[in-house]
Amino acid sequence: MRSKVCGMTSAEQVMQLDEMGVEFAGFIFYPKSPRYAYRFMSRPEIKKIRGKGINKVGVFVNAEVEELLQTVDDCGLYLVQLHGDETPKYCEKVADYVSVIKAFRLRENENVLWKIKDYMDIVDMFLFDTDGTGYGGTGKKFNWDMLKGLTIGKPFFLSGGIGPDDAEALAEFAKDPVAKDLFSIDVNSRFEISPGSKDMDKLKTFIPVVKQL
């Protein structure tokens, strides 16, 4: 199973993830986030990060399209993740330029297929996360049972408070038919020492287990 570690704020830690075989590193370009990338690194510093197999993902929340596309170029981003209230029309403009992950913050018992239907033919992938106050990840557990038995029909990232003790639950989820579209897991705050500073020891233990799933 692939993995994405989000909220990166250090080139050194990104390169350590690359050595572990992590496929995606997320950089948050939302100024209100405690992990706002530009608070820690400049555009040239982010652009200079190049690993053997890791890909840079830019996370945006209701950004102006031109500003977003400029960031893609300035930072050498491989994918963008739209984590706000972006409309299908907005996503289409961005998807004409770069591959798009559309994130959905889901409430209990929400109709997942209804929520994603207008984006099916526009974006490249989905990400499912827990609903919460404001934007971005909450660190709260996402009820994966909401997805079980569904046919998403598009690759998706599984997010929402995934932590070091979740390998067994992920293995169980991977057996469900919905997991045929599971592209990657997404982790962040539960692998941190402080916002943006990852606990590499926890990741070094967790990532090899996930790769076997």
C-alpha atoms as a PDB file:
ATOM      1  CA  MET A   1       0.000   0.000   0.000  1.00  0.00           C
ATOM      2  CA  ARG A   2       1.255   3.491  -0.846  1.00  0.00           C
ATOM      3  CA  SER A   3       1.615   6.209   1.757  1.00  0.00           C
ATOM      4  CA  LYS A   4       1.483  10.000   1.912  1.00  0.00           C
ATOM      5  CA  VAL A   5       2.886  11.972   4.828  1.00  0.00           C
ATOM      6  CA  CYS A   6       1.307  15.413   4.951  1.00  0.00           C
ATOM      7  CA  GLY A   7       2.245  18.681   6.635  1.00  0.00           C
ATOM      8  CA  MET A   8       5.950  18.545   5.800  1.00  0.00           C
ATOM      9  CA  THR A   9       8.070  21.509   6.871  1.00  0.00           C
ATOM     10  CA  SER A  10      11.627  20.183   6.510  1.00  0.00           C
ATOM     11  CA  ALA A  11      13.581  19.147   3.416  1.00  0.00           C
ATOM     12  CA  GLU A  12      15.686  16.828   5.562  1.00  0.00           C
ATOM     13  CA  GLN A  13      12.621  14.957   6.802  1.00  0.00           C
ATOM     14  CA  VAL A  14      11.229  14.676   3.266  1.00  0.00           C
ATOM     15  CA  MET A  15      14.464  13.010   2.177  1.00  0.00           C
ATOM     16  CA  GLN A  16      14.217  10.616   5.116  1.00  0.00           C
ATOM     17  CA  LEU A  17      10.705   9.693   3.961  1.00  0.00           C
ATOM     18  CA  ASP A  18      12.107   9.101   0.489  1.00  0.00           C
ATOM     19  CA  GLU A  19      14.615   6.653   1.938  1.00  0.00           C
ATOM     20  CA  MET A  20      11.738   4.795   3.636  1.00  0.00           C
ATOM     21  CA  GLY A  21       9.931   4.465   0.313  1.00  0.00           C
ATOM     22  CA  VAL A  22       7.105   6.920   1.068  1.00  0.00           C
ATOM     23  CA  GLU A  23       5.539   7.904  -2.254  1.00  0.00           C
ATOM     24  CA  PHE A  24       4.012  11.308  -1.414  1.00  0.00           C
ATOM     25  CA  ALA A  25       4.997  14.272   0.762  1.00  0.00           C
ATOM     26  CA  GLY A  26       2.332  16.891   1.418  1.00  0.00           C
ATOM     27  CA  PHE A  27       3.101  20.600   1.740  1.00  0.00           C
ATOM     28  CA  ILE A  28       0.315  22.782   3.091  1.00  0.00           C
ATOM     29  CA  PHE A  29      -0.182  26.134   1.353  1.00  0.00           C
ATOM     30  CA  TYR A  30      -2.978  27.360   3.611  1.00  0.00           C
ATOM     31  CA  PRO A  31      -1.787  30.346   5.664  1.00  0.00           C
ATOM     32  CA  LYS A  32      -4.016  29.548   8.655  1.00  0.00           C
ATOM     33  CA  SER A  33      -2.469  26.088   9.100  1.00  0.00           C
ATOM     34  CA  PRO A  34       0.206  25.617  11.796  1.00  0.00           C
ATOM     35  CA  ARG A  35       2.017  23.583   9.119  1.00  0.00           C
ATOM     36  CA  TYR A  36       1.907  26.366   6.504  1.00  0.00           C
ATOM     37  CA  ALA A  37       4.876  25.515   4.290  1.00  0.00           C
ATOM     38  CA  TYR A  38       6.078  29.079   3.695  1.00  0.00           C
ATOM     39  CA  ARG A  39       6.444  29.629   7.413  1.00  0.00           C
ATOM     40  CA  PHE A  40       9.288  27.111   7.345  1.00  0.00           C
ATOM     41  CA  MET A  41      10.683  27.083   3.806  1.00  0.00           C
ATOM     42  CA  SER A  42      10.988  29.383   0.800  1.00  0.00           C
ATOM     43  CA  ARG A  43       9.677  28.536  -2.674  1.00  0.00           C
ATOM     44  CA  PRO A  44      13.186  27.782  -4.030  1.00  0.00           C
ATOM     45  CA  GLU A  45      13.901  25.514  -1.046  1.00  0.00           C
ATOM     46  CA  ILE A  46      10.749  23.509  -1.691  1.00  0.00           C
ATOM     47  CA  LYS A  47      11.414  23.346  -5.432  1.00  0.00           C
ATOM     48  CA  LYS A  48      14.921  22.027  -4.801  1.00  0.00           C
ATOM     49  CA  ILE A  49      13.605  18.973  -2.929  1.00  0.00           C
ATOM     50  CA  ARG A  50      13.953  15.971  -5.225  1.00  0.00           C
ATOM     51  CA  GLY A  51      13.979  12.405  -4.008  1.00  0.00           C
ATOM     52  CA  LYS A  52      14.359   9.082  -5.762  1.00  0.00           C
ATOM     53  CA  GLY A  53      10.689   8.221  -5.630  1.00  0.00           C
ATOM     54  CA  ILE A  54       8.825  10.734  -3.491  1.00  0.00           C
ATOM     55  CA  ASN A  55       6.379  13.171  -5.098  1.00  0.00           C
ATOM     56  CA  LYS A  56       5.475  16.615  -3.764  1.00  0.00           C
ATOM     57  CA  VAL A  57       1.785  17.310  -3.185  1.00  0.00           C
ATOM     58  CA  GLY A  58       0.512  20.845  -2.559  1.00  0.00           C
ATOM     59  CA  VAL A  59      -2.485  21.158  -0.244  1.00  0.00           C
ATOM     60  CA  PHE A  60      -4.680  24.220  -0.911  1.00  0.00           C
ATOM     61  CA  VAL A  61      -7.874  25.621   0.608  1.00  0.00           C
ATOM     62  CA  ASN A  62     -10.021  27.885  -1.584  1.00  0.00           C
ATOM     63  CA  ALA A  63      -6.951  29.494  -3.164  1.00  0.00           C
ATOM     64  CA  GLU A  64      -7.131  31.771  -6.200  1.00  0.00           C
ATOM     65  CA  VAL A  65      -6.539  29.633  -9.297  1.00  0.00           C
ATOM     66  CA  GLU A  66      -3.697  31.792 -10.626  1.00  0.00           C
ATOM     67  CA  GLU A  67      -1.970  31.813  -7.246  1.00  0.00           C
ATOM     68  CA  LEU A  68      -2.289  28.032  -7.012  1.00  0.00           C
ATOM     69  CA  LEU A  69      -0.873  27.420 -10.487  1.00  0.00           C
ATOM     70  CA  GLN A  70       2.020  29.775  -9.773  1.00  0.00           C
ATOM     71  CA  THR A  71       2.798  27.779  -6.617  1.00  0.00           C
ATOM     72  CA  VAL A  72       2.770  24.551  -8.635  1.00  0.00           C
ATOM     73  CA  ASP A  73       5.472  25.992 -10.879  1.00  0.00           C
ATOM     74  CA  ASP A  74       7.453  27.764  -8.162  1.00  0.00           C
ATOM     75  CA  CYS A  75       7.619  24.695  -5.914  1.00  0.00           C
ATOM     76  CA  GLY A  76       7.750  21.911  -8.511  1.00  0.00           C
ATOM     77  CA  LEU A  77       4.569  20.187  -7.327  1.00  0.00           C
ATOM     78  CA  TYR A  78       3.511  16.852  -8.792  1.00  0.00           C
ATOM     79  CA  LEU A  79      -0.082  16.876  -7.519  1.00  0.00           C
ATOM     80  CA  VAL A  80      -2.439  19.313  -5.832  1.00  0.00           C
ATOM     81  CA  GLN A  81      -4.923  18.444  -3.108  1.00  0.00           C
ATOM     82  CA  LEU A  82      -7.954  20.721  -2.837  1.00  0.00           C
ATOM     83  CA  HIS A  83      -9.195  20.684   0.729  1.00  0.00           C
ATOM     84  CA  GLY A  84     -11.740  23.509   0.765  1.00  0.00           C
ATOM     85  CA  ASP A  85     -15.094  24.246  -0.880  1.00  0.00           C
ATOM     86  CA  GLU A  86     -13.788  24.085  -4.426  1.00  0.00           C
ATOM     87  CA  THR A  87     -16.535  23.657  -7.013  1.00  0.00           C
ATOM     88  CA  PRO A  88     -16.350  21.232  -9.938  1.00  0.00           C
ATOM     89  CA  LYS A  89     -15.793  24.230 -12.247  1.00  0.00           C
ATOM     90  CA  TYR A  90     -12.858  25.410 -10.126  1.00  0.00           C
ATOM     91  CA  CYS A  91     -11.387  21.898 -10.061  1.00  0.00           C
ATOM     92  CA  GLU A  92     -11.692  21.676 -13.833  1.00  0.00           C
ATOM     93  CA  LYS A  93      -9.582  24.818 -14.286  1.00  0.00           C
ATOM     94  CA  VAL A  94      -6.859  23.405 -12.053  1.00  0.00           C
ATOM     95  CA  ALA A  95      -7.067  19.895 -13.552  1.00  0.00           C
ATOM     96  CA  ASP A  96      -6.309  21.338 -16.990  1.00  0.00           C
ATOM     97  CA  TYR A  97      -2.841  22.159 -15.647  1.00  0.00           C
ATOM     98  CA  VAL A  98      -1.966  19.603 -12.956  1.00  0.00           C
ATOM     99  CA  SER A  99      -3.356  16.365 -11.510  1.00  0.00           C
ATOM    100  CA  VAL A 100      -5.944  16.988  -8.782  1.00  0.00           C
ATOM    101  CA  ILE A 101      -6.934  15.201  -5.577  1.00  0.00           C
ATOM    102  CA  LYS A 102     -10.264  16.505  -4.251  1.00  0.00           C
ATOM    103  CA  ALA A 103     -10.647  16.070  -0.508  1.00  0.00           C
ATOM    104  CA  PHE A 104     -14.030  15.488   1.111  1.00  0.00           C
ATOM    105  CA  ARG A 105     -14.641  15.982   4.826  1.00  0.00           C
ATOM    106  CA  LEU A 106     -17.381  13.519   5.668  1.00  0.00           C
ATOM    107  CA  ARG A 107     -19.949  13.593   8.455  1.00  0.00           C
ATOM    108  CA  GLU A 108     -21.384  10.419   9.965  1.00  0.00           C
ATOM    109  CA  ASN A 109     -23.997   8.787   7.709  1.00  0.00           C
ATOM    110  CA  GLU A 110     -23.302  11.197   4.848  1.00  0.00           C
ATOM    111  CA  ASN A 111     -24.047   9.894   1.347  1.00  0.00           C
ATOM    112  CA  VAL A 112     -20.512   9.532  -0.007  1.00  0.00           C
ATOM    113  CA  LEU A 113     -21.448   8.694  -3.591  1.00  0.00           C
ATOM    114  CA  TRP A 114     -23.799  11.660  -3.809  1.00  0.00           C
ATOM    115  CA  LYS A 115     -21.107  13.997  -2.475  1.00  0.00           C
ATOM    116  CA  ILE A 116     -18.493  12.948  -5.046  1.00  0.00           C
ATOM    117  CA  LYS A 117     -20.704  12.481  -8.116  1.00  0.00           C
ATOM    118  CA  ASP A 118     -20.214  15.959  -9.653  1.00  0.00           C
ATOM    119  CA  TYR A 119     -16.419  15.567  -9.445  1.00  0.00           C
ATOM    120  CA  MET A 120     -16.137  12.080 -10.939  1.00  0.00           C
ATOM    121  CA  ASP A 121     -15.253  13.141 -14.468  1.00  0.00           C
ATOM    122  CA  ILE A 122     -13.123  16.124 -13.442  1.00  0.00           C
ATOM    123  CA  VAL A 123     -10.537  15.259 -10.807  1.00  0.00           C
ATOM    124  CA  ASP A 124      -7.979  12.459 -10.814  1.00  0.00           C
ATOM    125  CA  MET A 125      -8.357  11.176  -7.272  1.00  0.00           C
ATOM    126  CA  PHE A 126     -10.357  11.655  -4.092  1.00  0.00           C
ATOM    127  CA  LEU A 127      -9.315  11.909  -0.450  1.00  0.00           C
ATOM    128  CA  PHE A 128     -11.697  11.066   2.387  1.00  0.00           C
ATOM    129  CA  ASP A 129     -11.255  12.728   5.762  1.00  0.00           C
ATOM    130  CA  THR A 130     -13.205  13.495   8.929  1.00  0.00           C
ATOM    131  CA  ASP A 131     -15.471  16.524   9.024  1.00  0.00           C
ATOM    132  CA  GLY A 132     -14.541  19.206  11.540  1.00  0.00           C
ATOM    133  CA  THR A 133     -14.522  22.906  12.310  1.00  0.00           C
ATOM    134  CA  GLY A 134     -12.638  24.966   9.736  1.00  0.00           C
ATOM    135  CA  TYR A 135     -10.548  23.478   6.961  1.00  0.00           C
ATOM    136  CA  GLY A 136      -7.813  20.895   6.704  1.00  0.00           C
ATOM    137  CA  GLY A 137      -7.321  17.700   8.645  1.00  0.00           C
ATOM    138  CA  THR A 138      -8.732  17.332  12.130  1.00  0.00           C
ATOM    139  CA  GLY A 139      -6.586  14.483  13.419  1.00  0.00           C
ATOM    140  CA  LYS A 140      -9.880  12.825  14.417  1.00  0.00           C
ATOM    141  CA  LYS A 141     -10.581   9.231  13.488  1.00  0.00           C
ATOM    142  CA  PHE A 142     -12.479   8.792  10.257  1.00  0.00           C
ATOM    143  CA  ASN A 143     -15.193   6.140  10.313  1.00  0.00           C
ATOM    144  CA  TRP A 144     -13.983   3.926   7.477  1.00  0.00           C
ATOM    145  CA  ASP A 145     -17.174   1.869   7.712  1.00  0.00           C
ATOM    146  CA  MET A 146     -18.875   4.655   5.736  1.00  0.00           C
ATOM    147  CA  LEU A 147     -16.903   3.527   2.692  1.00  0.00           C
ATOM    148  CA  LYS A 148     -17.244  -0.222   3.070  1.00  0.00           C
ATOM    149  CA  GLY A 149     -19.270  -1.934   0.379  1.00  0.00           C
ATOM    150  CA  LEU A 150     -19.203   1.115  -1.919  1.00  0.00           C
ATOM    151  CA  THR A 151     -17.791   1.323  -5.426  1.00  0.00           C
ATOM    152  CA  ILE A 152     -15.923   4.622  -5.551  1.00  0.00           C
ATOM    153  CA  GLY A 153     -14.840   4.145  -9.160  1.00  0.00           C
ATOM    154  CA  LYS A 154     -11.788   6.397  -8.813  1.00  0.00           C
ATOM    155  CA  PRO A 155      -8.501   6.067  -6.889  1.00  0.00           C
ATOM    156  CA  PHE A 156      -8.727   7.521  -3.386  1.00  0.00           C
ATOM    157  CA  PHE A 157      -6.561   8.415  -0.402  1.00  0.00           C
ATOM    158  CA  LEU A 158      -7.734   7.280   3.028  1.00  0.00           C
ATOM    159  CA  SER A 159      -7.116   9.914   5.692  1.00  0.00           C
ATOM    160  CA  GLY A 160      -8.506  10.999   9.047  1.00  0.00           C
ATOM    161  CA  GLY A 161      -6.448  10.417  12.178  1.00  0.00           C
ATOM    162  CA  ILE A 162      -4.520   7.346  11.015  1.00  0.00           C
ATOM    163  CA  GLY A 163      -1.942   6.544  13.684  1.00  0.00           C
ATOM    164  CA  PRO A 164       0.862   4.111  14.558  1.00  0.00           C
ATOM    165  CA  ASP A 165      -1.575   1.561  15.984  1.00  0.00           C
ATOM    166  CA  ASP A 166      -3.797   1.364  12.882  1.00  0.00           C
ATOM    167  CA  ALA A 167      -1.894  -1.163  10.746  1.00  0.00           C
ATOM    168  CA  GLU A 168      -4.207  -4.018  11.712  1.00  0.00           C
ATOM    169  CA  ALA A 169      -7.343  -1.963  10.987  1.00  0.00           C
ATOM    170  CA  LEU A 170      -5.900  -0.938   7.620  1.00  0.00           C
ATOM    171  CA  ALA A 171      -5.232  -4.587   6.777  1.00  0.00           C
ATOM    172  CA  GLU A 172      -8.867  -5.365   7.577  1.00  0.00           C
ATOM    173  CA  PHE A 173     -10.103  -2.423   5.485  1.00  0.00           C
ATOM    174  CA  ALA A 174      -7.954  -3.595   2.575  1.00  0.00           C
ATOM    175  CA  LYS A 175     -10.061  -6.791   2.393  1.00  0.00           C
ATOM    176  CA  ASP A 176     -13.270  -4.865   1.665  1.00  0.00           C
ATOM    177  CA  PRO A 177     -14.351  -4.510  -1.993  1.00  0.00           C
ATOM    178  CA  VAL A 178     -14.103  -0.699  -1.758  1.00  0.00           C
ATOM    179  CA  ALA A 179     -10.345  -1.051  -1.251  1.00  0.00           C
ATOM    180  CA  LYS A 180      -9.840  -2.003  -4.900  1.00  0.00           C
ATOM    181  CA  ASP A 181      -9.828   1.789  -5.475  1.00  0.00           C
ATOM    182  CA  LEU A 182      -7.658   2.574  -2.422  1.00  0.00           C
ATOM    183  CA  PHE A 183      -4.625   4.357  -3.847  1.00  0.00           C
ATOM    184  CA  SER A 184      -2.803   5.458  -0.709  1.00  0.00           C
ATOM    185  CA  ILE A 185      -3.162   6.219   2.972  1.00  0.00           C
ATOM    186  CA  ASP A 186      -2.540   9.743   4.250  1.00  0.00           C
ATOM    187  CA  VAL A 187      -1.006  10.430   7.673  1.00  0.00           C
ATOM    188  CA  ASN A 188      -0.090  13.599   9.512  1.00  0.00           C
ATOM    189  CA  SER A 189      -0.631  14.750  13.090  1.00  0.00           C
ATOM    190  CA  ARG A 190      -0.523  11.378  14.833  1.00  0.00           C
ATOM    191  CA  PHE A 191       3.060  10.957  13.635  1.00  0.00           C
ATOM    192  CA  GLU A 192       4.277  14.305  14.946  1.00  0.00           C
ATOM    193  CA  ILE A 193       6.412  15.593  17.795  1.00  0.00           C
ATOM    194  CA  SER A 194       4.995  19.094  17.157  1.00  0.00           C
ATOM    195  CA  PRO A 195       3.063  20.593  14.212  1.00  0.00           C
ATOM    196  CA  GLY A 196       5.166  19.966  11.106  1.00  0.00           C
ATOM    197  CA  SER A 197       7.903  18.023  12.894  1.00  0.00           C
ATOM    198  CA  LYS A 198       7.460  14.312  12.222  1.00  0.00           C
ATOM    199  CA  ASP A 199       8.339  11.508  14.603  1.00  0.00           C
ATOM    200  CA  MET A 200      10.650   9.588  12.306  1.00  0.00           C
ATOM    201  CA  ASP A 201      10.985   6.631  14.655  1.00  0.00           C
ATOM    202  CA  LYS A 202       7.229   6.026  14.536  1.00  0.00           C
ATOM    203  CA  LEU A 203       7.211   6.357  10.755  1.00  0.00           C
ATOM    204  CA  LYS A 204      10.181   3.998  10.353  1.00  0.00           C
ATOM    205  CA  THR A 205       8.192   1.353  12.223  1.00  0.00           C
ATOM    206  CA  PHE A 206       4.854   2.017  10.536  1.00  0.00           C
ATOM    207  CA  ILE A 207       5.726   2.530   6.855  1.00  0.00           C
ATOM    208  CA  PRO A 208       7.306  -0.927   6.237  1.00  0.00           C
ATOM    209  CA  VAL A 209       4.191  -2.575   7.706  1.00  0.00           C
ATOM    210  CA  VAL A 210       1.899  -0.496   5.473  1.00  0.00           C
ATOM    211  CA  LYS A 211       3.976  -1.397   2.405  1.00  0.00           C
ATOM    212  CA  GLN A 212       3.140  -5.050   2.982  1.00  0.00           C
ATOM    213  CA  LEU A 213      -0.628  -4.494   2.978  1.00  0.00           C
END
